[in-house]
Protein backbone atom coordinates (compact mmCIF):
# COMPACT_ATOMS: atom_id res chain seq x y z
CA MET A 1 113.43 -18.74 -144.36
CA THR A 2 116.29 -19.00 -146.98
CA SER A 3 116.67 -16.60 -149.98
CA ALA A 4 115.59 -19.55 -152.07
CA GLU A 5 112.31 -19.87 -150.14
CA ALA A 6 111.86 -15.82 -150.08
CA PHE A 7 112.88 -15.45 -153.89
CA PRO A 8 112.54 -18.69 -155.75
CA ALA A 9 113.06 -17.16 -159.08
CA ARG A 10 115.56 -14.68 -160.22
CA VAL A 11 115.56 -12.18 -163.16
CA LEU A 12 117.59 -13.21 -165.93
CA ALA A 13 117.16 -10.24 -168.18
CA VAL A 14 114.74 -7.60 -169.10
CA THR A 15 114.01 -7.93 -172.72
CA PHE A 16 113.07 -5.19 -174.96
CA ASP A 17 111.44 -5.82 -178.35
CA CYS A 18 112.92 -3.27 -180.90
CA PRO A 19 113.24 -3.00 -184.75
CA ASP A 20 117.21 -3.29 -184.48
CA PRO A 21 118.69 -5.29 -181.43
CA ARG A 22 122.15 -4.41 -182.15
CA GLU A 23 121.66 -0.64 -182.47
CA LEU A 24 119.54 -0.57 -179.34
CA ALA A 25 122.15 -2.88 -177.39
CA ARG A 26 124.96 -0.51 -178.55
CA PHE A 27 122.98 2.35 -176.86
CA TYR A 28 122.73 0.55 -173.58
CA GLN A 29 126.01 -0.85 -173.51
CA GLN A 30 127.55 2.68 -173.90
CA ALA A 31 124.89 3.85 -171.26
CA VAL A 32 125.14 1.35 -168.62
CA GLY A 33 128.61 -0.45 -169.34
CA LEU A 34 127.42 -4.12 -169.59
CA PRO A 35 129.31 -6.32 -172.26
CA ILE A 36 127.57 -8.10 -174.94
CA SER A 37 127.63 -11.78 -174.04
CA THR A 38 125.61 -13.10 -177.03
CA GLN A 39 124.38 -11.65 -180.13
CA SER A 40 122.69 -12.78 -183.35
CA ASP A 41 120.73 -10.71 -186.17
CA ASP A 42 117.72 -11.05 -184.01
CA PHE A 43 118.94 -11.05 -180.53
CA VAL A 44 121.60 -9.32 -178.27
CA LEU A 45 122.14 -9.88 -174.43
CA LEU A 46 124.08 -7.53 -172.45
CA GLY A 47 125.55 -8.65 -168.97
CA ASP A 48 127.14 -11.67 -167.57
CA LEU A 49 125.39 -14.99 -168.31
CA ASP A 50 125.28 -15.52 -164.44
CA GLY A 51 123.83 -12.32 -163.45
CA THR A 52 121.00 -9.91 -164.44
CA GLY A 53 121.20 -8.59 -168.05
CA LEU A 54 119.50 -6.48 -170.75
CA ALA A 55 118.16 -8.31 -173.72
CA PHE A 56 117.03 -6.94 -177.04
CA TYR A 57 114.76 -8.87 -179.45
CA ARG A 58 114.01 -7.98 -183.20
CA LEU A 59 110.38 -7.73 -183.76
CA ASP A 60 109.19 -7.28 -187.27
CA THR A 61 105.82 -5.73 -186.16
CA TYR A 62 107.42 -3.54 -183.36
CA GLN A 63 105.59 -0.32 -182.97
CA ARG A 64 107.35 2.65 -181.15
CA PRO A 65 105.90 3.50 -177.84
CA THR A 66 103.71 6.76 -178.05
CA TRP A 67 103.71 7.15 -174.00
CA PRO A 68 102.51 9.35 -172.37
CA SER A 69 100.14 9.74 -175.19
CA PRO A 70 97.59 7.15 -175.68
CA GLY A 71 98.13 4.63 -178.69
CA VAL A 72 101.15 2.40 -178.20
CA GLU A 73 101.77 2.12 -174.46
CA LYS A 74 105.29 1.70 -172.99
CA GLN A 75 106.24 -1.97 -172.90
CA ALA A 76 108.86 -1.65 -170.05
CA HIS A 77 111.21 0.89 -168.55
CA LEU A 78 114.41 1.04 -166.78
CA GLU A 79 115.42 2.91 -163.50
CA LEU A 80 119.12 4.05 -163.74
CA GLY A 81 120.81 5.64 -160.96
CA VAL A 82 123.29 8.38 -161.83
CA ASP A 83 125.96 10.19 -159.75
CA ASP A 84 125.14 13.65 -161.70
CA LEU A 85 121.83 14.17 -163.08
CA ASN A 86 122.74 16.84 -165.66
CA THR A 87 126.12 15.25 -166.88
CA ALA A 88 124.31 11.82 -167.23
CA GLN A 89 121.42 13.41 -169.38
CA LYS A 90 123.91 15.21 -171.53
CA ARG A 91 126.05 11.93 -172.13
CA LEU A 92 122.86 9.81 -172.93
CA VAL A 93 121.44 12.39 -175.35
CA VAL A 94 124.77 12.33 -177.27
CA LEU A 95 124.28 8.39 -177.25
CA GLY A 96 120.94 8.76 -178.92
CA ALA A 97 118.51 9.30 -176.03
CA THR A 98 115.76 12.04 -176.30
CA VAL A 99 114.65 13.93 -173.26
CA SER A 100 110.79 13.28 -172.97
CA ASP A 101 108.46 16.35 -172.92
CA ASP A 102 106.61 14.68 -169.94
CA GLN A 103 108.84 15.11 -166.78
CA PRO A 104 108.15 14.41 -163.19
CA ALA A 105 107.80 17.04 -160.56
CA ASP A 106 110.76 15.32 -158.54
CA PRO A 107 113.84 17.46 -159.35
CA ASN A 108 116.07 14.37 -158.76
CA ARG A 109 114.57 12.31 -161.61
CA ARG A 110 114.30 12.78 -165.40
CA VAL A 111 112.44 10.75 -168.14
CA LEU A 112 114.26 10.09 -171.43
CA THR A 113 113.54 7.56 -174.30
CA ASP A 114 116.17 5.27 -175.88
CA PRO A 115 116.70 5.07 -179.74
CA ALA A 116 113.67 2.77 -180.23
CA GLY A 117 111.39 4.96 -178.02
CA HIS A 118 111.29 3.23 -174.77
CA PRO A 119 111.05 5.49 -171.93
CA PHE A 120 113.48 5.30 -169.11
CA CYS A 121 114.23 7.21 -165.85
CA ILE A 122 117.49 8.45 -164.52
CA THR A 123 117.56 9.34 -160.79
CA GLN A 124 120.24 11.27 -158.90
CA MET A 125 121.75 9.07 -156.39
CA SER A 126 123.10 10.39 -153.02
CA SER A 127 126.77 9.99 -152.03
CA SER A 128 125.54 7.01 -150.02
CA GLY A 129 124.38 5.28 -153.19
CA LYS A 130 120.62 5.83 -152.02
CA ASN A 131 118.06 6.88 -154.44
CA LYS A 132 116.97 10.67 -153.84
CA GLY A 133 114.19 10.66 -155.98
CA THR A 134 110.63 9.62 -155.60
CA HIS A 135 108.92 7.00 -157.68
CA ARG A 136 105.09 7.67 -157.77
CA ARG A 137 103.82 9.50 -160.72
CA ARG A 138 105.38 7.98 -163.86
CA CYS A 139 105.03 4.28 -163.09
CA HIS A 140 101.58 3.62 -162.89
CA GLY A 141 100.43 0.29 -164.07
CA SER A 142 104.04 -1.14 -163.67
CA MET A 143 105.35 -3.24 -160.79
CA MET A 144 108.41 -2.81 -158.75
CA VAL A 145 110.84 -5.83 -158.77
CA PRO A 146 112.64 -5.84 -155.49
CA TRP A 147 116.38 -6.81 -155.66
CA SER A 148 119.74 -5.49 -154.22
CA GLY A 149 120.75 -3.10 -157.02
CA PRO A 150 118.97 -0.17 -158.62
CA SER A 151 115.16 -0.38 -159.10
CA VAL A 152 114.18 -1.77 -162.38
CA THR A 153 110.49 -1.12 -163.14
CA MET A 154 108.86 -3.31 -165.89
CA SER A 155 105.09 -4.04 -166.90
CA SER A 156 106.00 -7.59 -167.51
CA SER A 157 108.86 -9.90 -166.95
CA TRP A 158 110.13 -13.21 -167.43
CA VAL A 159 112.19 -15.05 -165.06
CA ALA A 160 113.45 -18.42 -164.53
CA GLU A 161 115.01 -20.56 -161.79
CA ASP A 162 118.18 -21.49 -163.08
CA ARG A 163 120.79 -20.69 -165.78
CA SER A 164 119.28 -23.66 -167.90
CA ALA A 165 116.26 -21.49 -168.71
CA ARG A 166 118.79 -18.74 -169.81
CA ALA A 167 120.59 -21.30 -171.92
CA TRP A 168 117.24 -22.05 -173.44
CA MET A 169 116.33 -18.54 -174.14
CA LEU A 170 119.58 -18.03 -175.93
CA GLY A 171 119.16 -21.36 -178.00
CA ARG A 172 122.00 -23.18 -176.52
């Protein structure tokens, strides 16, 4: 079986709705180092046009997640691997993240929220680059998307078979 048969689609981007795409993109650009590949007043895409990216879309009716409290559920969240949990947490807080009051029991994992309120996890990676944490308690209702990089968890995703779909998404 070829990889195209096993995985006929690939993730183009994980897209976050937010009130200010440029502000949220700036946070994630500084957090994970992806370059801005395209932007407008209503949309910003981080990452290479041929790879997996993070996208941010202005939604005038956006409601900040209240997760883990009921009300407005989390719309998506990222899993980010880090070399040093404490150092990464401090840096992310300086960039605008907030440490969540609701934390997993796993000492190798922390939950933070980005400036728009989306929860995300940071996980201590071992020296071999393997995830040292467990991922059981915080991702209920989500699906794990298998890929060769760090895990990305989302409650929904949009994927397409080729670059033409990304061009359509970007209005090209």
